[in-house]
Amino acid sequence: MVTREFTLESGPVQEIRILSVSSTEEDHAAIFHILDELPFVVTPARSCREAASALSLGQFGIILCESDLPDGTWLEILNQISGVRERPLLIVTSRLADEFLWAEVLNLGGYDLLAKPFSRQEVRHVLTSAWVQKAIPVHPIQTTSAATS
């Protein structure tokens, strides 16, 4: 396997592994085509069960998951990764992407929502933003305030 390295301002960053969970071959083909030439290694899974198996065998930086799967929903995938030490970012995909699903995804701990059919520009933007967040994690700064009397 060839490992590609790409550079951010802070130095070289290794590729990010994506688990693409969708029951349709069209989704997987579209993602492979859209991400060609970018630093992503995509592993396809067609169900929650296949995703669980892939997650047990390897570490992923990002999970791209269809909202409804043959044996469950994106919420099952979210539950599977909830206890993972280096938790992957979960991006949900749906033909019925609306502000209610988007709010639910964000409120429950997902990273973003992508509408289907996929827009090349939007997929690349969201996944590149997620990749940058995984490569350069942002940690909250703790500040102490002076006591007032």
Protein backbone atom coordinates (compact mmCIF):
# COMPACT_ATOMS: atom_id res chain seq x y z
CA MET A 1 0.00 0.00 0.00
CA VAL A 2 1.30 3.44 -0.91
CA THR A 3 1.03 6.06 1.81
CA ARG A 4 0.61 9.59 0.58
CA GLU A 5 1.69 12.58 2.62
CA PHE A 6 0.39 16.08 2.16
CA THR A 7 1.54 19.29 3.74
CA LEU A 8 -0.30 21.82 5.84
CA GLU A 9 1.36 24.98 7.09
CA SER A 10 2.37 23.11 10.25
CA GLY A 11 4.14 20.32 8.33
CA PRO A 12 3.43 17.01 6.58
CA VAL A 13 0.19 15.21 7.37
CA GLN A 14 -0.56 11.61 6.49
CA GLU A 15 -3.69 10.68 4.65
CA ILE A 16 -6.99 10.27 6.45
CA ARG A 17 -8.92 7.00 6.31
CA ILE A 18 -12.63 7.31 5.58
CA LEU A 19 -15.26 4.67 6.23
CA SER A 20 -18.03 5.19 3.66
CA VAL A 21 -21.25 3.54 4.87
CA SER A 22 -24.01 3.33 2.26
CA SER A 23 -26.22 0.59 0.89
CA THR A 24 -25.93 1.91 -2.68
CA GLU A 25 -23.05 1.31 -5.07
CA GLU A 26 -23.79 4.70 -6.66
CA ASP A 27 -22.86 6.49 -3.43
CA HIS A 28 -19.58 4.59 -3.13
CA ALA A 29 -18.71 5.19 -6.79
CA ALA A 30 -19.50 8.91 -6.46
CA ILE A 31 -17.34 9.27 -3.33
CA PHE A 32 -14.40 7.42 -4.93
CA HIS A 33 -14.68 9.65 -8.01
CA ILE A 34 -15.05 12.91 -6.06
CA LEU A 35 -12.12 12.14 -3.75
CA ASP A 36 -9.75 11.00 -6.48
CA GLU A 37 -6.44 12.88 -6.12
CA LEU A 38 -7.17 13.90 -2.50
CA PRO A 39 -5.41 12.39 0.53
CA PHE A 40 -8.22 10.03 1.51
CA VAL A 41 -8.27 6.24 1.64
CA VAL A 42 -11.90 5.13 1.40
CA THR A 43 -13.20 1.81 2.76
CA PRO A 44 -16.76 0.98 1.71
CA ALA A 45 -19.35 -0.66 3.99
CA ARG A 46 -22.94 -1.40 2.99
CA SER A 47 -24.63 -1.79 6.39
CA CYS A 48 -24.24 -1.12 10.10
CA ARG A 49 -22.94 -4.68 10.49
CA GLU A 50 -20.23 -4.18 7.84
CA ALA A 51 -19.34 -0.83 9.38
CA ALA A 52 -18.96 -2.44 12.82
CA SER A 53 -16.67 -5.06 11.32
CA ALA A 54 -14.54 -2.42 9.56
CA LEU A 55 -14.35 -0.33 12.74
CA SER A 56 -13.15 -3.34 14.73
CA LEU A 57 -10.33 -3.94 12.23
CA GLY A 58 -9.00 -0.42 11.78
CA GLN A 59 -9.00 3.20 12.76
CA PHE A 60 -10.79 5.82 10.67
CA GLY A 61 -10.55 9.60 10.87
CA ILE A 62 -13.90 10.22 9.19
CA ILE A 63 -17.08 8.21 8.74
CA LEU A 64 -19.37 9.18 5.88
CA CYS A 65 -22.70 7.49 6.66
CA GLU A 66 -26.03 7.30 4.87
CA SER A 67 -28.84 8.33 7.24
CA ASP A 68 -30.86 5.14 6.68
CA LEU A 69 -29.22 1.75 6.18
CA PRO A 70 -30.74 -1.71 5.64
CA ASP A 71 -30.06 -2.75 9.25
CA GLY A 72 -30.25 0.56 11.10
CA THR A 73 -29.50 4.27 10.91
CA TRP A 74 -26.61 6.67 11.36
CA LEU A 75 -27.46 6.70 15.08
CA GLU A 76 -26.23 3.10 15.39
CA ILE A 77 -22.92 4.16 13.85
CA LEU A 78 -22.75 7.11 16.25
CA ASN A 79 -23.32 4.72 19.18
CA GLN A 80 -20.59 2.38 17.89
CA ILE A 81 -17.99 5.17 17.92
CA SER A 82 -19.08 6.87 21.13
CA GLY A 83 -16.54 5.02 23.27
CA VAL A 84 -13.64 5.16 20.81
CA ARG A 85 -10.56 6.95 22.16
CA GLU A 86 -9.77 8.76 18.92
CA ARG A 87 -13.31 9.20 17.77
CA PRO A 88 -13.82 9.62 14.02
CA LEU A 89 -15.80 12.58 12.74
CA LEU A 90 -19.25 11.43 11.56
CA ILE A 91 -20.73 13.03 8.45
CA VAL A 92 -24.28 11.94 7.64
CA THR A 93 -25.62 11.82 4.06
CA SER A 94 -29.27 11.94 3.01
CA ARG A 95 -31.56 12.68 0.08
CA LEU A 96 -33.87 14.25 2.66
CA ALA A 97 -31.26 16.59 4.12
CA ASP A 98 -33.06 19.45 5.82
CA GLU A 99 -32.45 21.78 8.75
CA PHE A 100 -34.09 19.34 11.19
CA LEU A 101 -31.78 16.44 10.31
CA TRP A 102 -28.80 18.81 10.21
CA ALA A 103 -29.64 20.09 13.72
CA GLU A 104 -30.12 16.53 15.01
CA VAL A 105 -26.77 15.42 13.57
CA LEU A 106 -24.93 18.36 15.11
CA ASN A 107 -26.74 18.21 18.46
CA LEU A 108 -26.02 14.50 18.89
CA GLY A 109 -22.31 14.79 18.08
CA GLY A 110 -22.03 14.44 14.31
CA TYR A 111 -19.71 16.68 12.31
CA ASP A 112 -21.95 17.66 9.36
CA LEU A 113 -24.71 16.66 6.93
CA LEU A 114 -24.25 16.24 3.17
CA ALA A 115 -27.20 16.29 0.76
CA LYS A 116 -27.54 13.69 -1.98
CA PRO A 117 -27.04 13.66 -4.88
CA PHE A 118 -23.53 14.70 -3.95
CA SER A 119 -22.08 18.00 -5.10
CA ARG A 120 -18.37 17.53 -5.89
CA GLN A 121 -17.52 20.94 -4.46
CA GLU A 122 -19.53 20.46 -1.24
CA VAL A 123 -18.20 16.94 -0.56
CA ARG A 124 -14.61 18.09 -1.07
CA HIS A 125 -15.16 21.15 1.12
CA VAL A 126 -16.75 19.23 4.01
CA LEU A 127 -14.27 16.35 3.94
CA THR A 128 -11.25 18.64 3.58
CA SER A 129 -12.50 20.73 6.52
CA ALA A 130 -12.94 17.56 8.56
CA TRP A 131 -9.46 16.38 7.51
CA VAL A 132 -7.92 19.66 8.65
CA GLN A 133 -9.74 19.38 11.99
CA LYS A 134 -8.39 15.83 12.47
CA ALA A 135 -4.88 16.89 11.41
CA ILE A 136 -4.79 19.98 13.61
CA PRO A 137 -7.14 19.35 16.53
CA VAL A 138 -8.42 22.44 18.25
CA HIS A 139 -8.46 22.25 22.03
CA PRO A 140 -10.28 24.81 24.18
CA ILE A 141 -8.03 27.23 25.99
CA GLN A 142 -8.56 27.31 29.71
CA THR A 143 -8.31 30.72 31.19
CA THR A 144 -8.35 31.83 34.77
CA SER A 145 -10.09 34.97 35.71
CA ALA A 146 -8.95 37.28 38.43
CA ALA A 147 -11.13 37.18 41.53
CA THR A 148 -13.15 40.28 42.08
CA SER A 149 -13.75 41.66 45.52
